[in-house]
């Protein structure tokens, strides 16, 4: 979020949005934030996060796999905070599992 705060916003794409916190940190100065996650619960969390801060009009939240639901849209900034813990077969939670 610190690195993204120094970048111009415009049209922002947040991949693997989770709670939407990274995109939300840019939303006030962004024209629009498109948030994508493969997990529908994560997308709903993002929607609620924006609603709670009065920024729903800035958000387009989409369930999908990375770029697949974007249909050739163009963005000024692409940000991502992907799952990062190597999956050891214990949790099965895609929010944390980055795979092998």
PDB file of N, CA and C in Angstrom:
ATOM      1  N   UNK A   1       0.822  -1.185   0.000  1.00  0.00           N
ATOM      2  CA  UNK A   1       0.000   0.000   0.000  1.00  0.00           C
ATOM      3  C   UNK A   1       0.868   1.251   0.000  1.00  0.00           C
ATOM      4  N   UNK A   2       1.997   1.194   0.684  1.00  0.00           N
ATOM      5  CA  UNK A   2       2.896   2.342   0.696  1.00  0.00           C
ATOM      6  C   UNK A   2       3.432   2.633  -0.697  1.00  0.00           C
ATOM      7  N   UNK A   3       3.802   1.584  -1.434  1.00  0.00           N
ATOM      8  CA  UNK A   3       4.326   1.764  -2.792  1.00  0.00           C
ATOM      9  C   UNK A   3       3.235   2.292  -3.715  1.00  0.00           C
ATOM     10  N   UNK A   4       2.032   1.772  -3.607  1.00  0.00           N
ATOM     11  CA  UNK A   4       0.930   2.201  -4.464  1.00  0.00           C
ATOM     12  C   UNK A   4       0.513   3.634  -4.171  1.00  0.00           C
ATOM     13  N   UNK A   5       0.669   4.077  -2.948  1.00  0.00           N
ATOM     14  CA  UNK A   5       0.258   5.434  -2.560  1.00  0.00           C
ATOM     15  C   UNK A   5       1.025   6.502  -3.325  1.00  0.00           C
ATOM     16  N   UNK A   6       2.203   6.172  -3.824  1.00  0.00           N
ATOM     17  CA  UNK A   6       3.021   7.144  -4.546  1.00  0.00           C
ATOM     18  C   UNK A   6       2.759   7.148  -6.051  1.00  0.00           C
ATOM     19  N   UNK A   7       1.876   6.266  -6.516  1.00  0.00           N
ATOM     20  CA  UNK A   7       1.622   6.134  -7.947  1.00  0.00           C
ATOM     21  C   UNK A   7       0.348   6.862  -8.348  1.00  0.00           C
ATOM     22  N   UNK A   8       0.305   7.346  -9.611  1.00  0.00           N
ATOM     23  CA  UNK A   8      -0.949   7.937 -10.078  1.00  0.00           C
ATOM     24  C   UNK A   8      -2.037   6.866 -10.128  1.00  0.00           C
ATOM     25  N   UNK A   9      -3.267   7.234  -9.846  1.00  0.00           N
ATOM     26  CA  UNK A   9      -4.331   6.234  -9.748  1.00  0.00           C
ATOM     27  C   UNK A   9      -5.131   6.110 -11.046  1.00  0.00           C
ATOM     28  N   UNK A  10      -5.992   7.056 -11.385  1.00  0.00           N
ATOM     29  CA  UNK A  10      -6.821   6.938 -12.586  1.00  0.00           C
ATOM     30  C   UNK A  10      -7.733   5.730 -12.507  1.00  0.00           C
ATOM     31  N   UNK A  11      -7.645   4.870 -13.521  1.00  0.00           N
ATOM     32  CA  UNK A  11      -8.389   3.613 -13.547  1.00  0.00           C
ATOM     33  C   UNK A  11      -7.504   2.541 -12.919  1.00  0.00           C
ATOM     34  N   UNK A  12      -7.955   1.953 -11.807  1.00  0.00           N
ATOM     35  CA  UNK A  12      -7.151   1.007 -11.036  1.00  0.00           C
ATOM     36  C   UNK A  12      -7.754  -0.392 -11.138  1.00  0.00           C
ATOM     37  N   UNK A  13      -6.897  -1.372 -11.357  1.00  0.00           N
ATOM     38  CA  UNK A  13      -7.298  -2.773 -11.319  1.00  0.00           C
ATOM     39  C   UNK A  13      -6.615  -3.420 -10.125  1.00  0.00           C
ATOM     40  N   UNK A  14      -7.420  -3.979  -9.219  1.00  0.00           N
ATOM     41  CA  UNK A  14      -6.860  -4.733  -8.099  1.00  0.00           C
ATOM     42  C   UNK A  14      -7.165  -6.210  -8.316  1.00  0.00           C
ATOM     43  N   UNK A  15      -6.125  -6.986  -8.593  1.00  0.00           N
ATOM     44  CA  UNK A  15      -6.252  -8.429  -8.768  1.00  0.00           C
ATOM     45  C   UNK A  15      -6.094  -9.120  -7.419  1.00  0.00           C
ATOM     46  N   UNK A  16      -6.777 -10.243  -7.229  1.00  0.00           N
ATOM     47  CA  UNK A  16      -6.739 -10.985  -5.954  1.00  0.00           C
ATOM     48  C   UNK A  16      -7.105 -10.042  -4.818  1.00  0.00           C
ATOM     49  N   UNK A  17      -8.237  -9.383  -4.937  1.00  0.00           N
ATOM     50  CA  UNK A  17      -8.569  -8.258  -4.049  1.00  0.00           C
ATOM     51  C   UNK A  17      -8.769  -8.636  -2.587  1.00  0.00           C
ATOM     52  N   UNK A  18      -9.202  -9.854  -2.273  1.00  0.00           N
ATOM     53  CA  UNK A  18      -9.399 -10.218  -0.868  1.00  0.00           C
ATOM     54  C   UNK A  18     -10.394  -9.298  -0.193  1.00  0.00           C
ATOM     55  N   UNK A  19      -9.947  -8.510   0.752  1.00  0.00           N
ATOM     56  CA  UNK A  19     -10.827  -7.538   1.420  1.00  0.00           C
ATOM     57  C   UNK A  19     -10.914  -6.228   0.649  1.00  0.00           C
ATOM     58  N   UNK A  20     -10.062  -6.060  -0.351  1.00  0.00           N
ATOM     59  CA  UNK A  20     -10.057  -4.833  -1.145  1.00  0.00           C
ATOM     60  C   UNK A  20      -9.235  -3.718  -0.548  1.00  0.00           C
ATOM     61  N   UNK A  21      -8.452  -4.012   0.457  1.00  0.00           N
ATOM     62  CA  UNK A  21      -7.768  -2.963   1.204  1.00  0.00           C
ATOM     63  C   UNK A  21      -6.751  -2.176   0.377  1.00  0.00           C
ATOM     64  N   UNK A  22      -6.060  -2.836  -0.544  1.00  0.00           N
ATOM     65  CA  UNK A  22      -5.057  -2.110  -1.339  1.00  0.00           C
ATOM     66  C   UNK A  22      -5.755  -1.136  -2.286  1.00  0.00           C
ATOM     67  N   UNK A  23      -6.760  -1.606  -2.990  1.00  0.00           N
ATOM     68  CA  UNK A  23      -7.516  -0.707  -3.869  1.00  0.00           C
ATOM     69  C   UNK A  23      -8.221   0.384  -3.099  1.00  0.00           C
ATOM     70  N   UNK A  24      -8.722   0.034  -1.940  1.00  0.00           N
ATOM     71  CA  UNK A  24      -9.413   1.005  -1.095  1.00  0.00           C
ATOM     72  C   UNK A  24      -8.475   2.136  -0.679  1.00  0.00           C
ATOM     73  N   UNK A  25      -7.211   1.824  -0.488  1.00  0.00           N
ATOM     74  CA  UNK A  25      -6.245   2.868  -0.112  1.00  0.00           C
ATOM     75  C   UNK A  25      -6.048   3.882  -1.239  1.00  0.00           C
ATOM     76  N   UNK A  26      -6.426   3.529  -2.461  1.00  0.00           N
ATOM     77  CA  UNK A  26      -6.290   4.423  -3.614  1.00  0.00           C
ATOM     78  C   UNK A  26      -7.629   4.999  -4.077  1.00  0.00           C
ATOM     79  N   UNK A  27      -8.723   4.481  -3.562  1.00  0.00           N
ATOM     80  CA  UNK A  27     -10.046   4.766  -4.117  1.00  0.00           C
ATOM     81  C   UNK A  27     -10.417   6.245  -4.115  1.00  0.00           C
ATOM     82  N   UNK A  28     -10.060   6.977  -3.097  1.00  0.00           N
ATOM     83  CA  UNK A  28     -10.463   8.389  -3.033  1.00  0.00           C
ATOM     84  C   UNK A  28      -9.889   9.204  -4.184  1.00  0.00           C
ATOM     85  N   UNK A  29      -8.690   8.846  -4.627  1.00  0.00           N
ATOM     86  CA  UNK A  29      -8.095   9.608  -5.729  1.00  0.00           C
ATOM     87  C   UNK A  29      -8.171   8.897  -7.072  1.00  0.00           C
ATOM     88  N   UNK A  30      -8.711   7.693  -7.084  1.00  0.00           N
ATOM     89  CA  UNK A  30      -8.889   6.949  -8.333  1.00  0.00           C
ATOM     90  C   UNK A  30     -10.187   7.379  -9.016  1.00  0.00           C
ATOM     91  N   UNK A  31     -10.200   7.282 -10.324  1.00  0.00           N
ATOM     92  CA  UNK A  31     -11.443   7.508 -11.054  1.00  0.00           C
ATOM     93  C   UNK A  31     -12.386   6.341 -10.799  1.00  0.00           C
ATOM     94  N   UNK A  32     -11.820   5.135 -10.836  1.00  0.00           N
ATOM     95  CA  UNK A  32     -12.590   3.906 -10.609  1.00  0.00           C
ATOM     96  C   UNK A  32     -11.643   2.794 -10.208  1.00  0.00           C
ATOM     97  N   UNK A  33     -12.118   1.853  -9.379  1.00  0.00           N
ATOM     98  CA  UNK A  33     -11.349   0.672  -9.001  1.00  0.00           C
ATOM     99  C   UNK A  33     -12.148  -0.559  -9.430  1.00  0.00           C
ATOM    100  N   UNK A  34     -11.514  -1.407 -10.231  1.00  0.00           N
ATOM    101  CA  UNK A  34     -12.092  -2.701 -10.576  1.00  0.00           C
ATOM    102  C   UNK A  34     -11.352  -3.726  -9.728  1.00  0.00           C
ATOM    103  N   UNK A  35     -12.091  -4.441  -8.886  1.00  0.00           N
ATOM    104  CA  UNK A  35     -11.505  -5.421  -7.970  1.00  0.00           C
ATOM    105  C   UNK A  35     -11.944  -6.814  -8.399  1.00  0.00           C
ATOM    106  N   UNK A  36     -10.969  -7.713  -8.592  1.00  0.00           N
ATOM    107  CA  UNK A  36     -11.253  -9.066  -9.071  1.00  0.00           C
ATOM    108  C   UNK A  36     -10.684 -10.083  -8.100  1.00  0.00           C
ATOM    109  N   UNK A  37     -11.476 -11.114  -7.806  1.00  0.00           N
ATOM    110  CA  UNK A  37     -10.997 -12.237  -7.000  1.00  0.00           C
ATOM    111  C   UNK A  37     -11.759 -13.480  -7.436  1.00  0.00           C
ATOM    112  N   UNK A  38     -11.101 -14.617  -7.376  1.00  0.00           N
ATOM    113  CA  UNK A  38     -11.741 -15.878  -7.738  1.00  0.00           C
ATOM    114  C   UNK A  38     -12.718 -16.352  -6.660  1.00  0.00           C
ATOM    115  N   UNK A  39     -12.563 -15.819  -5.465  1.00  0.00           N
ATOM    116  CA  UNK A  39     -13.378 -16.223  -4.325  1.00  0.00           C
ATOM    117  C   UNK A  39     -14.553 -15.244  -4.163  1.00  0.00           C
ATOM    118  N   UNK A  40     -15.809 -15.715  -4.330  1.00  0.00           N
ATOM    119  CA  UNK A  40     -16.957 -14.813  -4.195  1.00  0.00           C
ATOM    120  C   UNK A  40     -17.080 -14.176  -2.813  1.00  0.00           C
ATOM    121  N   UNK A  41     -16.635 -14.857  -1.776  1.00  0.00           N
ATOM    122  CA  UNK A  41     -16.672 -14.281  -0.428  1.00  0.00           C
ATOM    123  C   UNK A  41     -15.708 -13.101  -0.336  1.00  0.00           C
ATOM    124  N   UNK A  42     -14.562 -13.225  -0.954  1.00  0.00           N
ATOM    125  CA  UNK A  42     -13.597 -12.120  -0.971  1.00  0.00           C
ATOM    126  C   UNK A  42     -14.184 -10.908  -1.693  1.00  0.00           C
ATOM    127  N   UNK A  43     -14.848 -11.134  -2.811  1.00  0.00           N
ATOM    128  CA  UNK A  43     -15.458 -10.033  -3.554  1.00  0.00           C
ATOM    129  C   UNK A  43     -16.534  -9.358  -2.699  1.00  0.00           C
ATOM    130  N   UNK A  44     -17.315 -10.136  -1.995  1.00  0.00           N
ATOM    131  CA  UNK A  44     -18.334  -9.553  -1.112  1.00  0.00           C
ATOM    132  C   UNK A  44     -17.677  -8.744   0.009  1.00  0.00           C
ATOM    133  N   UNK A  45     -16.563  -9.238   0.553  1.00  0.00           N
ATOM    134  CA  UNK A  45     -15.833  -8.475   1.571  1.00  0.00           C
ATOM    135  C   UNK A  45     -15.361  -7.137   1.017  1.00  0.00           C
ATOM    136  N   UNK A  46     -14.902  -7.134  -0.216  1.00  0.00           N
ATOM    137  CA  UNK A  46     -14.469  -5.893  -0.853  1.00  0.00           C
ATOM    138  C   UNK A  46     -15.635  -4.929  -0.991  1.00  0.00           C
ATOM    139  N   UNK A  47     -16.783  -5.420  -1.445  1.00  0.00           N
ATOM    140  CA  UNK A  47     -17.970  -4.580  -1.588  1.00  0.00           C
ATOM    141  C   UNK A  47     -18.350  -3.953  -0.246  1.00  0.00           C
ATOM    142  N   UNK A  48     -18.356  -4.750   0.805  1.00  0.00           N
ATOM    143  CA  UNK A  48     -18.700  -4.251   2.141  1.00  0.00           C
ATOM    144  C   UNK A  48     -17.681  -3.220   2.622  1.00  0.00           C
ATOM    145  N   UNK A  49     -16.401  -3.462   2.358  1.00  0.00           N
ATOM    146  CA  UNK A  49     -15.361  -2.503   2.760  1.00  0.00           C
ATOM    147  C   UNK A  49     -15.587  -1.142   2.110  1.00  0.00           C
ATOM    148  N   UNK A  50     -15.925  -1.124   0.837  1.00  0.00           N
ATOM    149  CA  UNK A  50     -16.185   0.133   0.132  1.00  0.00           C
ATOM    150  C   UNK A  50     -17.472   0.780   0.640  1.00  0.00           C
ATOM    151  N   UNK A  51     -18.511  -0.026   0.856  1.00  0.00           N
ATOM    152  CA  UNK A  51     -19.766   0.513   1.392  1.00  0.00           C
ATOM    153  C   UNK A  51     -19.551   1.180   2.744  1.00  0.00           C
ATOM    154  N   UNK A  52     -18.792   0.523   3.614  1.00  0.00           N
ATOM    155  CA  UNK A  52     -18.546   1.059   4.958  1.00  0.00           C
ATOM    156  C   UNK A  52     -17.812   2.387   4.941  1.00  0.00           C
ATOM    157  N   UNK A  53     -17.119   2.666   3.865  1.00  0.00           N
ATOM    158  CA  UNK A  53     -16.352   3.913   3.761  1.00  0.00           C
ATOM    159  C   UNK A  53     -16.994   4.917   2.806  1.00  0.00           C
ATOM    160  N   UNK A  54     -18.199   4.616   2.344  1.00  0.00           N
ATOM    161  CA  UNK A  54     -18.909   5.531   1.459  1.00  0.00           C
ATOM    162  C   UNK A  54     -18.290   5.655   0.084  1.00  0.00           C
ATOM    163  N   UNK A  55     -17.638   4.609  -0.395  1.00  0.00           N
ATOM    164  CA  UNK A  55     -16.942   4.672  -1.679  1.00  0.00           C
ATOM    165  C   UNK A  55     -17.487   3.676  -2.712  1.00  0.00           C
ATOM    166  N   UNK A  56     -18.698   3.208  -2.519  1.00  0.00           N
ATOM    167  CA  UNK A  56     -19.286   2.214  -3.420  1.00  0.00           C
ATOM    168  C   UNK A  56     -19.316   2.673  -4.872  1.00  0.00           C
ATOM    169  N   UNK A  57     -19.506   3.972  -5.084  1.00  0.00           N
ATOM    170  CA  UNK A  57     -19.598   4.481  -6.456  1.00  0.00           C
ATOM    171  C   UNK A  57     -18.281   4.372  -7.212  1.00  0.00           C
ATOM    172  N   UNK A  58     -17.178   4.169  -6.504  1.00  0.00           N
ATOM    173  CA  UNK A  58     -15.861   4.039  -7.129  1.00  0.00           C
ATOM    174  C   UNK A  58     -15.536   2.600  -7.531  1.00  0.00           C
ATOM    175  N   UNK A  59     -16.344   1.627  -7.104  1.00  0.00           N
ATOM    176  CA  UNK A  59     -15.982   0.210  -7.191  1.00  0.00           C
ATOM    177  C   UNK A  59     -16.794  -0.555  -8.223  1.00  0.00           C
ATOM    178  N   UNK A  60     -16.085  -1.402  -8.955  1.00  0.00           N
ATOM    179  CA  UNK A  60     -16.701  -2.441  -9.769  1.00  0.00           C
ATOM    180  C   UNK A  60     -16.051  -3.744  -9.304  1.00  0.00           C
ATOM    181  N   UNK A  61     -16.753  -4.542  -8.520  1.00  0.00           N
ATOM    182  CA  UNK A  61     -16.208  -5.783  -7.947  1.00  0.00           C
ATOM    183  C   UNK A  61     -16.687  -6.970  -8.779  1.00  0.00           C
ATOM    184  N   UNK A  62     -15.720  -7.842  -9.158  1.00  0.00           N
ATOM    185  CA  UNK A  62     -16.004  -8.921 -10.093  1.00  0.00           C
ATOM    186  C   UNK A  62     -15.426 -10.236  -9.582  1.00  0.00           C
ATOM    187  N   UNK A  63     -16.236 -11.303  -9.652  1.00  0.00           N
ATOM    188  CA  UNK A  63     -15.735 -12.647  -9.360  1.00  0.00           C
ATOM    189  C   UNK A  63     -15.139 -13.189 -10.644  1.00  0.00           C
ATOM    190  N   UNK A  64     -13.882 -13.606 -10.572  1.00  0.00           N
ATOM    191  CA  UNK A  64     -13.236 -14.159 -11.755  1.00  0.00           C
ATOM    192  C   UNK A  64     -11.789 -14.488 -11.498  1.00  0.00           C
ATOM    193  N   UNK A  65     -11.184 -15.127 -12.476  1.00  0.00           N
ATOM    194  CA  UNK A  65      -9.807 -15.576 -12.403  1.00  0.00           C
ATOM    195  C   UNK A  65      -8.896 -14.568 -13.092  1.00  0.00           C
ATOM    196  N   UNK A  66      -8.246 -13.737 -12.310  1.00  0.00           N
ATOM    197  CA  UNK A  66      -7.318 -12.721 -12.804  1.00  0.00           C
ATOM    198  C   UNK A  66      -7.948 -11.864 -13.888  1.00  0.00           C
ATOM    199  N   UNK A  67      -7.413 -11.901 -15.117  1.00  0.00           N
ATOM    200  CA  UNK A  67      -7.850 -10.998 -16.183  1.00  0.00           C
ATOM    201  C   UNK A  67      -9.077 -11.497 -16.942  1.00  0.00           C
ATOM    202  N   UNK A  68      -9.506 -12.738 -16.723  1.00  0.00           N
ATOM    203  CA  UNK A  68     -10.562 -13.333 -17.550  1.00  0.00           C
ATOM    204  C   UNK A  68     -11.866 -12.523 -17.607  1.00  0.00           C
ATOM    205  N   UNK A  69     -12.317 -11.882 -16.547  1.00  0.00           N
ATOM    206  CA  UNK A  69     -13.586 -11.152 -16.653  1.00  0.00           C
ATOM    207  C   UNK A  69     -13.452  -9.714 -17.167  1.00  0.00           C
ATOM    208  N   UNK A  70     -12.284  -9.302 -17.613  1.00  0.00           N
ATOM    209  CA  UNK A  70     -12.055  -7.884 -17.899  1.00  0.00           C
ATOM    210  C   UNK A  70     -12.324  -7.471 -19.339  1.00  0.00           C
ATOM    211  N   UNK A  71     -12.355  -8.400 -20.258  1.00  0.00           N
ATOM    212  CA  UNK A  71     -12.747  -8.145 -21.640  1.00  0.00           C
ATOM    213  C   UNK A  71     -12.005  -6.976 -22.288  1.00  0.00           C
ATOM    214  N   UNK A  72     -10.701  -6.946 -22.162  1.00  0.00           N
ATOM    215  CA  UNK A  72      -9.894  -5.948 -22.857  1.00  0.00           C
ATOM    216  C   UNK A  72      -9.908  -4.556 -22.266  1.00  0.00           C
ATOM    217  N   UNK A  73     -10.400  -4.387 -21.055  1.00  0.00           N
ATOM    218  CA  UNK A  73     -10.378  -3.066 -20.432  1.00  0.00           C
ATOM    219  C   UNK A  73      -8.936  -2.605 -20.232  1.00  0.00           C
ATOM    220  N   UNK A  74      -8.733  -1.302 -20.198  1.00  0.00           N
ATOM    221  CA  UNK A  74      -7.405  -0.709 -20.033  1.00  0.00           C
ATOM    222  C   UNK A  74      -7.353   0.012 -18.692  1.00  0.00           C
ATOM    223  N   UNK A  75      -6.223  -0.149 -17.993  1.00  0.00           N
ATOM    224  CA  UNK A  75      -6.065   0.434 -16.662  1.00  0.00           C
ATOM    225  C   UNK A  75      -4.792   1.263 -16.603  1.00  0.00           C
ATOM    226  N   UNK A  76      -4.810   2.276 -15.743  1.00  0.00           N
ATOM    227  CA  UNK A  76      -3.627   3.101 -15.500  1.00  0.00           C
ATOM    228  C   UNK A  76      -2.697   2.458 -14.488  1.00  0.00           C
ATOM    229  N   UNK A  77      -3.268   1.672 -13.585  1.00  0.00           N
ATOM    230  CA  UNK A  77      -2.495   1.057 -12.517  1.00  0.00           C
ATOM    231  C   UNK A  77      -3.067  -0.323 -12.214  1.00  0.00           C
ATOM    232  N   UNK A  78      -2.197  -1.314 -12.163  1.00  0.00           N
ATOM    233  CA  UNK A  78      -2.595  -2.668 -11.786  1.00  0.00           C
ATOM    234  C   UNK A  78      -1.865  -3.011 -10.500  1.00  0.00           C
ATOM    235  N   UNK A  79      -2.631  -3.385  -9.482  1.00  0.00           N
ATOM    236  CA  UNK A  79      -2.052  -3.735  -8.190  1.00  0.00           C
ATOM    237  C   UNK A  79      -2.506  -5.145  -7.825  1.00  0.00           C
ATOM    238  N   UNK A  80      -1.700  -5.806  -6.992  1.00  0.00           N
ATOM    239  CA  UNK A  80      -2.025  -7.182  -6.626  1.00  0.00           C
ATOM    240  C   UNK A  80      -1.361  -7.534  -5.306  1.00  0.00           C
ATOM    241  N   UNK A  81      -2.121  -8.169  -4.430  1.00  0.00           N
ATOM    242  CA  UNK A  81      -1.607  -8.700  -3.181  1.00  0.00           C
ATOM    243  C   UNK A  81      -2.078 -10.152  -3.110  1.00  0.00           C
ATOM    244  N   UNK A  82      -1.409 -11.030  -3.870  1.00  0.00           N
ATOM    245  CA  UNK A  82      -1.901 -12.401  -4.032  1.00  0.00           C
ATOM    246  C   UNK A  82      -1.683 -13.269  -2.800  1.00  0.00           C
ATOM    247  N   UNK A  83      -2.361 -14.431  -2.785  1.00  0.00           N
ATOM    248  CA  UNK A  83      -2.074 -15.404  -1.718  1.00  0.00           C
ATOM    249  C   UNK A  83      -0.584 -15.725  -1.733  1.00  0.00           C
ATOM    250  N   UNK A  84       0.003 -15.855  -0.569  1.00  0.00           N
ATOM    251  CA  UNK A  84       1.458 -15.919  -0.510  1.00  0.00           C
ATOM    252  C   UNK A  84       2.025 -17.064   0.311  1.00  0.00           C
ATOM    253  N   UNK A  85       1.210 -17.809   0.990  1.00  0.00           N
ATOM    254  CA  UNK A  85       1.732 -18.894   1.814  1.00  0.00           C
ATOM    255  C   UNK A  85       1.699 -20.180   1.004  1.00  0.00           C
ATOM    256  N   UNK A  86       2.818 -20.875   0.952  1.00  0.00           N
ATOM    257  CA  UNK A  86       2.877 -22.123   0.201  1.00  0.00           C
ATOM    258  C   UNK A  86       1.896 -23.127   0.786  1.00  0.00           C
ATOM    259  N   UNK A  87       1.094 -23.707  -0.071  1.00  0.00           N
ATOM    260  CA  UNK A  87       0.080 -24.670   0.349  1.00  0.00           C
ATOM    261  C   UNK A  87       0.750 -25.976   0.754  1.00  0.00           C
ATOM    262  N   UNK A  88       0.564 -26.364   1.989  1.00  0.00           N
ATOM    263  CA  UNK A  88       1.113 -27.629   2.484  1.00  0.00           C
ATOM    264  C   UNK A  88       0.005 -28.658   2.650  1.00  0.00           C
ATOM    265  N   UNK A  89      -1.155 -28.372   2.064  1.00  0.00           N
ATOM    266  CA  UNK A  89      -2.255 -29.310   2.117  1.00  0.00           C
ATOM    267  C   UNK A  89      -2.992 -29.355   3.433  1.00  0.00           C
ATOM    268  N   UNK A  90      -2.752 -28.391   4.304  1.00  0.00           N
ATOM    269  CA  UNK A  90      -3.403 -28.444   5.611  1.00  0.00           C
ATOM    270  C   UNK A  90      -4.636 -27.554   5.703  1.00  0.00           C
ATOM    271  N   UNK A  91      -4.589 -26.371   5.131  1.00  0.00           N
ATOM    272  CA  UNK A  91      -5.702 -25.445   5.334  1.00  0.00           C
ATOM    273  C   UNK A  91      -6.769 -25.546   4.251  1.00  0.00           C
ATOM    274  N   UNK A  92      -6.364 -25.626   3.002  1.00  0.00           N
ATOM    275  CA  UNK A  92      -7.318 -25.646   1.904  1.00  0.00           C
ATOM    276  C   UNK A  92      -7.979 -24.302   1.665  1.00  0.00           C
ATOM    277  N   UNK A  93      -7.557 -23.248   2.341  1.00  0.00           N
ATOM    278  CA  UNK A  93      -8.151 -21.922   2.204  1.00  0.00           C
ATOM    279  C   UNK A  93      -7.458 -21.169   1.082  1.00  0.00           C
ATOM    280  N   UNK A  94      -8.176 -20.896  -0.029  1.00  0.00           N
ATOM    281  CA  UNK A  94      -7.554 -20.225  -1.173  1.00  0.00           C
ATOM    282  C   UNK A  94      -7.182 -18.776  -0.889  1.00  0.00           C
ATOM    283  N   UNK A  95      -7.685 -18.211   0.198  1.00  0.00           N
ATOM    284  CA  UNK A  95      -7.306 -16.837   0.543  1.00  0.00           C
ATOM    285  C   UNK A  95      -5.851 -16.752   0.979  1.00  0.00           C
ATOM    286  N   UNK A  96      -5.317 -17.853   1.495  1.00  0.00           N
ATOM    287  CA  UNK A  96      -3.929 -17.856   1.978  1.00  0.00           C
ATOM    288  C   UNK A  96      -3.003 -18.664   1.084  1.00  0.00           C
ATOM    289  N   UNK A  97      -3.513 -19.654   0.418  1.00  0.00           N
ATOM    290  CA  UNK A  97      -2.669 -20.600  -0.285  1.00  0.00           C
ATOM    291  C   UNK A  97      -2.159 -20.044  -1.611  1.00  0.00           C
ATOM    292  N   UNK A  98      -0.859 -19.921  -1.733  1.00  0.00           N
ATOM    293  CA  UNK A  98      -0.232 -19.501  -2.974  1.00  0.00           C
ATOM    294  C   UNK A  98       0.149 -20.672  -3.847  1.00  0.00           C
ATOM    295  N   UNK A  99      -0.120 -21.877  -3.428  1.00  0.00           N
ATOM    296  CA  UNK A  99       0.256 -23.069  -4.201  1.00  0.00           C
ATOM    297  C   UNK A  99       1.728 -23.395  -4.009  1.00  0.00           C
ATOM    298  N   UNK A 100       2.170 -24.411  -4.691  1.00  0.00           N
ATOM    299  CA  UNK A 100       3.571 -24.844  -4.590  1.00  0.00           C
ATOM    300  C   UNK A 100       4.519 -23.864  -5.248  1.00  0.00           C
TER     301      UNK A 100
END
